[in-house]
Protein backbone atom coordinates (compact mmCIF):
# COMPACT_ATOMS: atom_id res chain seq x y z
CA UNK A 1 0.00 0.00 0.00
CA UNK A 2 2.78 2.45 0.90
CA UNK A 3 4.52 1.78 -2.43
CA UNK A 4 1.33 2.56 -4.32
CA UNK A 5 1.01 5.88 -2.49
CA UNK A 6 4.65 6.68 -3.30
CA UNK A 7 4.09 5.83 -6.98
CA UNK A 8 0.97 7.98 -7.20
CA UNK A 9 2.80 10.84 -5.52
CA UNK A 10 5.80 10.54 -7.85
CA UNK A 11 3.53 10.22 -10.86
CA UNK A 12 1.44 13.18 -9.74
CA UNK A 13 4.56 15.29 -9.20
CA UNK A 14 5.80 14.43 -12.69
CA UNK A 15 2.40 15.25 -14.21
CA UNK A 16 2.27 18.59 -12.39
CA UNK A 17 5.81 19.38 -13.53
CA UNK A 18 4.97 18.58 -17.15
CA UNK A 19 1.77 20.64 -17.02
CA UNK A 20 3.62 23.58 -15.45
CA UNK A 21 6.28 23.41 -18.17
CA UNK A 22 3.61 23.27 -20.88
CA UNK A 23 1.78 26.31 -19.51
CA UNK A 24 5.02 28.30 -19.34
CA UNK A 25 6.02 27.27 -22.86
CA UNK A 26 2.59 28.02 -24.32
CA UNK A 27 2.67 31.46 -22.70
CA UNK A 28 6.21 32.08 -23.96
CA UNK A 29 5.41 30.96 -27.50
CA UNK A 30 2.30 33.14 -27.54
CA UNK A 31 4.48 36.10 -26.59
CA UNK A 32 7.04 35.28 -29.28
CA UNK A 33 4.63 34.53 -32.11
CA UNK A 34 2.41 37.43 -31.07
CA UNK A 35 5.43 39.75 -31.00
CA UNK A 36 6.46 38.66 -34.48
CA UNK A 37 2.89 39.15 -35.74
CA UNK A 38 2.72 42.62 -34.18
CA UNK A 39 5.97 43.61 -35.86
CA UNK A 40 4.63 42.31 -39.18
CA UNK A 41 1.50 44.41 -38.69
CA UNK A 42 3.68 47.36 -37.68
CA UNK A 43 5.62 47.14 -40.92
CA UNK A 44 2.34 48.01 -42.59
CA UNK A 45 2.37 51.38 -40.87
CA UNK A 46 1.16 50.87 -37.31
CA UNK A 47 4.17 52.05 -35.30
CA UNK A 48 2.47 51.22 -31.98
CA UNK A 49 2.23 47.61 -33.14
CA UNK A 50 5.99 47.48 -33.67
CA UNK A 51 6.60 48.84 -30.17
CA UNK A 52 4.16 46.33 -28.69
CA UNK A 53 5.86 43.57 -30.69
CA UNK A 54 9.26 44.55 -29.32
CA UNK A 55 7.93 44.48 -25.76
CA UNK A 56 6.29 41.12 -26.38
CA UNK A 57 9.53 39.63 -27.72
CA UNK A 58 11.45 40.95 -24.72
CA UNK A 59 8.86 39.43 -22.36
CA UNK A 60 9.15 36.13 -24.23
CA UNK A 61 12.90 36.08 -23.62
CA UNK A 62 12.37 36.60 -19.91
CA UNK A 63 9.64 33.99 -19.56
CA UNK A 64 11.37 31.23 -21.50
CA UNK A 65 14.74 31.72 -19.81
CA UNK A 66 13.40 32.19 -16.27
CA UNK A 67 11.36 28.99 -16.45
CA UNK A 68 14.08 26.93 -14.78
CA UNK A 69 13.76 24.10 -17.32
CA UNK A 70 16.80 22.34 -18.80
CA UNK A 71 17.80 24.30 -21.91
CA UNK A 72 18.15 21.31 -24.24
CA UNK A 73 14.77 19.84 -23.32
CA UNK A 74 13.23 23.29 -23.15
CA UNK A 75 14.12 24.16 -26.73
CA UNK A 76 13.05 20.78 -28.13
CA UNK A 77 9.59 20.96 -26.59
CA UNK A 78 9.35 24.72 -27.17
CA UNK A 79 9.82 24.35 -30.92
CA UNK A 80 6.84 21.97 -31.10
CA UNK A 81 4.65 24.31 -29.06
CA UNK A 82 5.91 27.28 -31.08
CA UNK A 83 4.81 25.53 -34.27
CA UNK A 84 1.30 24.90 -32.96
CA UNK A 85 0.84 28.42 -31.59
CA UNK A 86 2.21 29.98 -34.77
CA UNK A 87 -0.32 28.08 -36.88
CA UNK A 88 -3.19 29.23 -34.67
CA UNK A 89 -2.08 32.87 -34.71
CA UNK A 90 -1.38 32.73 -38.44
CA UNK A 91 -4.93 31.53 -39.02
CA UNK A 92 -6.55 34.05 -36.66
CA UNK A 93 -4.62 37.17 -37.67
CA UNK A 94 -3.68 36.52 -41.28
CA UNK A 95 -6.35 33.97 -42.34
CA UNK A 96 -3.63 31.60 -43.58
CA UNK A 97 -4.54 27.92 -43.69
CA UNK A 98 -1.62 25.45 -43.52
CA UNK A 99 -1.21 23.23 -46.56
CA UNK A 100 -0.46 19.51 -46.52
CA UNK A 101 3.35 19.97 -46.42
CA UNK A 102 3.11 22.24 -43.39
CA UNK A 103 0.81 19.78 -41.64
CA UNK A 104 3.04 16.76 -42.34
CA UNK A 105 6.24 18.59 -41.39
CA UNK A 106 4.53 20.06 -38.34
CA UNK A 107 3.38 16.59 -37.35
CA UNK A 108 7.02 15.50 -37.22
CA UNK A 109 7.91 18.59 -35.16
CA UNK A 110 5.11 17.92 -32.68
CA UNK A 111 5.96 14.19 -32.48
CA UNK A 112 9.56 15.09 -31.69
CA UNK A 113 8.47 17.54 -29.00
CA UNK A 114 6.21 14.94 -27.41
CA UNK A 115 9.03 12.39 -27.48
CA UNK A 116 11.36 14.80 -25.69
CA UNK A 117 8.69 15.79 -23.16
CA UNK A 118 7.46 12.32 -22.27
CA UNK A 119 10.64 10.26 -22.59
CA UNK A 120 12.93 12.44 -20.47
């Protein structure tokens, strides 16, 4: 019975750690992709958008590097999350729908990110 409680506790701790990392990385990637999108919009003439984009990119750098996660694992998982968030923002802001090559390539990116996240 005590071993089962220890396993559940260790499993729960790992699950909480993974969820915390995912939330941080989703937030960071939203800041980065959003900052890039704001700068793109700013190039069209909206100077305030460029300034907001610069602030967003700076905030991204702080969030991703203050997360406390191992850098090698962080970047592997982050790239997968970055891909997903960038596709969502691209669709919402620019009405761009990914084609089959983007979906297949992105599937490999996401599979690699999941492998890094779950297997380490």
